[in-house]
Amino acid sequence: MKQLQSVQRVTPGVTTSEARELTTKYTPPASPDRPSAEFQTPEGQTTAMETDTPTTTLVERHQLDRLRADLDLSRQELDVARQEKERLEGPVRELSTQLDLVQPQLEQSRQEKEAADTQIRELTTQLELAQLQLEKVRTKAD
């Protein structure tokens, strides 16, 4: 069975090495008067998202990078969950079909069992009556 991918979220604390890495990754927007970046939604649509402005501080850049990382991880988790759902849909459909086929047989078996139980009760009652009559006959014979 395929295991779900484990994805670790970025935590609020920042180490010095992370801060250095984030500052080297940062690229200012192409146009300072219109700071936006395009990204693709899970549905494949391209949209614009407001990004850093020239006055964005290092801390704000870091927070934005963390939010972007969290967003990317959430998308990965969503993709993994969708893949798992797709993987399970086939077997679930198959089991549902089998259940639909078995349920009428189960109901018929229940009805047959109830009929057999009723017949056993009737035969038990007849046997008890016959034993009582046999006792009466034995008593009269003595």
C-alpha atoms as a PDB file:
ATOM      1  CA  MET A   1       0.000   0.000   0.000  1.00  0.00           C
ATOM      2  CA  LYS A   2       1.349   3.396  -0.956  1.00  0.00           C
ATOM      3  CA  GLN A   3       2.240   5.619   1.995  1.00  0.00           C
ATOM      4  CA  LEU A   4       1.216   9.262   1.994  1.00  0.00           C
ATOM      5  CA  GLN A   5       4.086  11.649   1.530  1.00  0.00           C
ATOM      6  CA  SER A   6       5.161  13.365   4.723  1.00  0.00           C
ATOM      7  CA  VAL A   7       5.464  17.123   4.339  1.00  0.00           C
ATOM      8  CA  GLN A   8       6.969  19.282   7.080  1.00  0.00           C
ATOM      9  CA  ARG A   9       5.738  22.836   7.531  1.00  0.00           C
ATOM     10  CA  VAL A  10       8.076  25.771   8.043  1.00  0.00           C
ATOM     11  CA  THR A  11       8.027  27.001  11.641  1.00  0.00           C
ATOM     12  CA  PRO A  12       8.096  30.648  12.751  1.00  0.00           C
ATOM     13  CA  GLY A  13      11.664  30.597  14.203  1.00  0.00           C
ATOM     14  CA  VAL A  14      14.436  31.698  11.845  1.00  0.00           C
ATOM     15  CA  THR A  15      18.056  30.598  12.051  1.00  0.00           C
ATOM     16  CA  THR A  16      20.947  32.669  10.722  1.00  0.00           C
ATOM     17  CA  SER A  17      21.598  30.217   7.892  1.00  0.00           C
ATOM     18  CA  GLU A  18      17.921  30.328   6.896  1.00  0.00           C
ATOM     19  CA  ALA A  19      17.976  34.126   6.869  1.00  0.00           C
ATOM     20  CA  ARG A  20      21.068  34.099   4.619  1.00  0.00           C
ATOM     21  CA  GLU A  21      19.421  31.568   2.316  1.00  0.00           C
ATOM     22  CA  LEU A  22      16.254  33.632   2.115  1.00  0.00           C
ATOM     23  CA  THR A  23      18.106  36.858   1.313  1.00  0.00           C
ATOM     24  CA  THR A  24      19.996  35.149  -1.518  1.00  0.00           C
ATOM     25  CA  LYS A  25      16.727  33.746  -2.917  1.00  0.00           C
ATOM     26  CA  TYR A  26      15.007  37.136  -2.893  1.00  0.00           C
ATOM     27  CA  THR A  27      14.617  38.846  -6.248  1.00  0.00           C
ATOM     28  CA  PRO A  28      12.885  42.208  -6.376  1.00  0.00           C
ATOM     29  CA  PRO A  29       9.876  42.602  -8.686  1.00  0.00           C
ATOM     30  CA  ALA A  30      10.434  43.635 -12.271  1.00  0.00           C
ATOM     31  CA  SER A  31       8.351  46.774 -11.973  1.00  0.00           C
ATOM     32  CA  PRO A  32       8.391  48.627  -8.614  1.00  0.00           C
ATOM     33  CA  ASP A  33       5.164  50.490  -9.424  1.00  0.00           C
ATOM     34  CA  ARG A  34       3.308  47.203 -10.026  1.00  0.00           C
ATOM     35  CA  PRO A  35       4.771  44.525  -7.812  1.00  0.00           C
ATOM     36  CA  SER A  36       3.183  41.209  -8.642  1.00  0.00           C
ATOM     37  CA  ALA A  37       4.206  37.709  -9.488  1.00  0.00           C
ATOM     38  CA  GLU A  38       2.313  35.148 -11.486  1.00  0.00           C
ATOM     39  CA  PHE A  39       1.648  31.690 -10.160  1.00  0.00           C
ATOM     40  CA  GLN A  40      -0.517  28.767 -11.192  1.00  0.00           C
ATOM     41  CA  THR A  41      -3.475  27.670  -9.136  1.00  0.00           C
ATOM     42  CA  PRO A  42      -4.081  23.930  -8.659  1.00  0.00           C
ATOM     43  CA  GLU A  43      -6.753  24.206 -11.362  1.00  0.00           C
ATOM     44  CA  GLY A  44      -4.076  25.436 -13.813  1.00  0.00           C
ATOM     45  CA  GLN A  45      -5.182  29.066 -13.952  1.00  0.00           C
ATOM     46  CA  THR A  46      -2.477  31.712 -13.921  1.00  0.00           C
ATOM     47  CA  THR A  47      -3.129  34.535 -11.496  1.00  0.00           C
ATOM     48  CA  ALA A  48      -1.176  37.484 -10.196  1.00  0.00           C
ATOM     49  CA  MET A  49      -0.221  37.828  -6.563  1.00  0.00           C
ATOM     50  CA  GLU A  50       1.090  40.925  -4.851  1.00  0.00           C
ATOM     51  CA  THR A  51       4.722  40.540  -3.899  1.00  0.00           C
ATOM     52  CA  ASP A  52       7.439  42.518  -2.257  1.00  0.00           C
ATOM     53  CA  THR A  53       7.740  46.237  -2.785  1.00  0.00           C
ATOM     54  CA  PRO A  54      11.114  48.015  -2.781  1.00  0.00           C
ATOM     55  CA  THR A  55      10.408  49.062   0.819  1.00  0.00           C
ATOM     56  CA  THR A  56       9.820  45.511   2.015  1.00  0.00           C
ATOM     57  CA  THR A  57      12.035  44.742   4.976  1.00  0.00           C
ATOM     58  CA  LEU A  58      14.102  41.596   5.305  1.00  0.00           C
ATOM     59  CA  VAL A  59      11.720  40.324   7.987  1.00  0.00           C
ATOM     60  CA  GLU A  60       8.719  40.960   5.747  1.00  0.00           C
ATOM     61  CA  ARG A  61      10.481  39.218   2.868  1.00  0.00           C
ATOM     62  CA  HIS A  62      11.217  36.318   5.151  1.00  0.00           C
ATOM     63  CA  GLN A  63       7.563  36.171   6.269  1.00  0.00           C
ATOM     64  CA  LEU A  64       6.416  36.247   2.646  1.00  0.00           C
ATOM     65  CA  ASP A  65       8.876  33.490   1.764  1.00  0.00           C
ATOM     66  CA  ARG A  66       7.614  31.414   4.689  1.00  0.00           C
ATOM     67  CA  LEU A  67       4.009  31.947   3.596  1.00  0.00           C
ATOM     68  CA  ARG A  68       4.921  30.964   0.049  1.00  0.00           C
ATOM     69  CA  ALA A  69       6.700  27.864   1.347  1.00  0.00           C
ATOM     70  CA  ASP A  70       3.663  26.959   3.453  1.00  0.00           C
ATOM     71  CA  LEU A  71       1.435  27.500   0.421  1.00  0.00           C
ATOM     72  CA  ASP A  72       3.659  25.264  -1.708  1.00  0.00           C
ATOM     73  CA  LEU A  73       3.666  22.574   0.988  1.00  0.00           C
ATOM     74  CA  SER A  74      -0.110  22.806   1.301  1.00  0.00           C
ATOM     75  CA  ARG A  75      -0.408  22.356  -2.452  1.00  0.00           C
ATOM     76  CA  GLN A  76       1.885  19.320  -2.266  1.00  0.00           C
ATOM     77  CA  GLU A  77      -0.218  17.858   0.536  1.00  0.00           C
ATOM     78  CA  LEU A  78      -3.360  18.513  -1.494  1.00  0.00           C
ATOM     79  CA  ASP A  79      -1.827  16.830  -4.539  1.00  0.00           C
ATOM     80  CA  VAL A  80      -0.817  13.800  -2.457  1.00  0.00           C
ATOM     81  CA  ALA A  81      -4.321  13.606  -0.955  1.00  0.00           C
ATOM     82  CA  ARG A  82      -5.904  13.849  -4.424  1.00  0.00           C
ATOM     83  CA  GLN A  83      -3.619  11.095  -5.738  1.00  0.00           C
ATOM     84  CA  GLU A  84      -4.498   8.893  -2.769  1.00  0.00           C
ATOM     85  CA  LYS A  85      -8.199   9.571  -3.313  1.00  0.00           C
ATOM     86  CA  GLU A  86      -7.903   8.663  -7.008  1.00  0.00           C
ATOM     87  CA  ARG A  87      -5.941   5.534  -6.109  1.00  0.00           C
ATOM     88  CA  LEU A  88      -8.653   4.407  -3.671  1.00  0.00           C
ATOM     89  CA  GLU A  89     -11.661   5.248  -5.848  1.00  0.00           C
ATOM     90  CA  GLY A  90     -11.245   2.152  -8.053  1.00  0.00           C
ATOM     91  CA  PRO A  91     -11.153  -0.393  -5.214  1.00  0.00           C
ATOM     92  CA  VAL A  92     -14.034   1.386  -3.447  1.00  0.00           C
ATOM     93  CA  ARG A  93     -16.162   1.193  -6.605  1.00  0.00           C
ATOM     94  CA  GLU A  94     -15.308  -2.491  -6.984  1.00  0.00           C
ATOM     95  CA  LEU A  95     -16.210  -3.239  -3.362  1.00  0.00           C
ATOM     96  CA  SER A  96     -19.440  -1.283  -3.710  1.00  0.00           C
ATOM     97  CA  THR A  97     -20.381  -3.350  -6.765  1.00  0.00           C
ATOM     98  CA  GLN A  98     -19.599  -6.567  -4.907  1.00  0.00           C
ATOM     99  CA  LEU A  99     -21.682  -5.393  -1.964  1.00  0.00           C
ATOM    100  CA  ASP A 100     -24.606  -4.643  -4.280  1.00  0.00           C
ATOM    101  CA  LEU A 101     -24.358  -8.207  -5.599  1.00  0.00           C
ATOM    102  CA  VAL A 102     -24.056  -9.825  -2.172  1.00  0.00           C
ATOM    103  CA  GLN A 103     -26.815  -7.901  -0.365  1.00  0.00           C
ATOM    104  CA  PRO A 104     -29.741  -9.680  -2.103  1.00  0.00           C
ATOM    105  CA  GLN A 105     -28.111 -13.046  -1.346  1.00  0.00           C
ATOM    106  CA  LEU A 106     -27.657 -12.006   2.265  1.00  0.00           C
ATOM    107  CA  GLU A 107     -31.309 -11.005   2.538  1.00  0.00           C
ATOM    108  CA  GLN A 108     -32.395 -14.314   1.019  1.00  0.00           C
ATOM    109  CA  SER A 109     -30.167 -16.177   3.487  1.00  0.00           C
ATOM    110  CA  ARG A 110     -31.710 -14.240   6.374  1.00  0.00           C
ATOM    111  CA  GLN A 111     -35.203 -15.142   5.229  1.00  0.00           C
ATOM    112  CA  GLU A 112     -34.227 -18.805   4.831  1.00  0.00           C
ATOM    113  CA  LYS A 113     -32.702 -18.793   8.327  1.00  0.00           C
ATOM    114  CA  GLU A 114     -35.867 -17.263   9.802  1.00  0.00           C
ATOM    115  CA  ALA A 115     -37.985 -19.910   8.035  1.00  0.00           C
ATOM    116  CA  ALA A 116     -35.681 -22.677   9.327  1.00  0.00           C
ATOM    117  CA  ASP A 117     -35.812 -21.247  12.867  1.00  0.00           C
ATOM    118  CA  THR A 118     -39.615 -21.163  12.708  1.00  0.00           C
ATOM    119  CA  GLN A 119     -39.707 -24.742  11.456  1.00  0.00           C
ATOM    120  CA  ILE A 120     -37.343 -25.839  14.253  1.00  0.00           C
ATOM    121  CA  ARG A 121     -39.590 -24.171  16.844  1.00  0.00           C
ATOM    122  CA  GLU A 122     -42.682 -25.874  15.407  1.00  0.00           C
ATOM    123  CA  LEU A 123     -40.964 -29.269  15.324  1.00  0.00           C
ATOM    124  CA  THR A 124     -39.695 -28.779  18.882  1.00  0.00           C
ATOM    125  CA  THR A 125     -43.239 -27.984  20.025  1.00  0.00           C
ATOM    126  CA  GLN A 126     -44.579 -31.080  18.229  1.00  0.00           C
ATOM    127  CA  LEU A 127     -41.851 -33.208  19.820  1.00  0.00           C
ATOM    128  CA  GLU A 128     -42.689 -31.894  23.286  1.00  0.00           C
ATOM    129  CA  LEU A 129     -46.398 -32.634  22.710  1.00  0.00           C
ATOM    130  CA  ALA A 130     -45.572 -36.133  21.485  1.00  0.00           C
ATOM    131  CA  GLN A 131     -43.422 -36.728  24.585  1.00  0.00           C
ATOM    132  CA  LEU A 132     -46.306 -35.584  26.812  1.00  0.00           C
ATOM    133  CA  GLN A 133     -48.717 -37.937  25.025  1.00  0.00           C
ATOM    134  CA  LEU A 134     -46.229 -40.781  25.358  1.00  0.00           C
ATOM    135  CA  GLU A 135     -45.998 -40.112  29.091  1.00  0.00           C
ATOM    136  CA  LYS A 136     -49.816 -40.173  29.373  1.00  0.00           C
ATOM    137  CA  VAL A 137     -49.986 -43.457  27.476  1.00  0.00           C
ATOM    138  CA  ARG A 138     -47.279 -44.977  29.704  1.00  0.00           C
ATOM    139  CA  THR A 139     -49.066 -43.767  32.803  1.00  0.00           C
ATOM    140  CA  LYS A 140     -52.375 -45.376  31.655  1.00  0.00           C
ATOM    141  CA  ALA A 141     -50.585 -48.596  30.728  1.00  0.00           C
ATOM    142  CA  ASP A 142     -49.161 -48.979  34.231  1.00  0.00           C
END
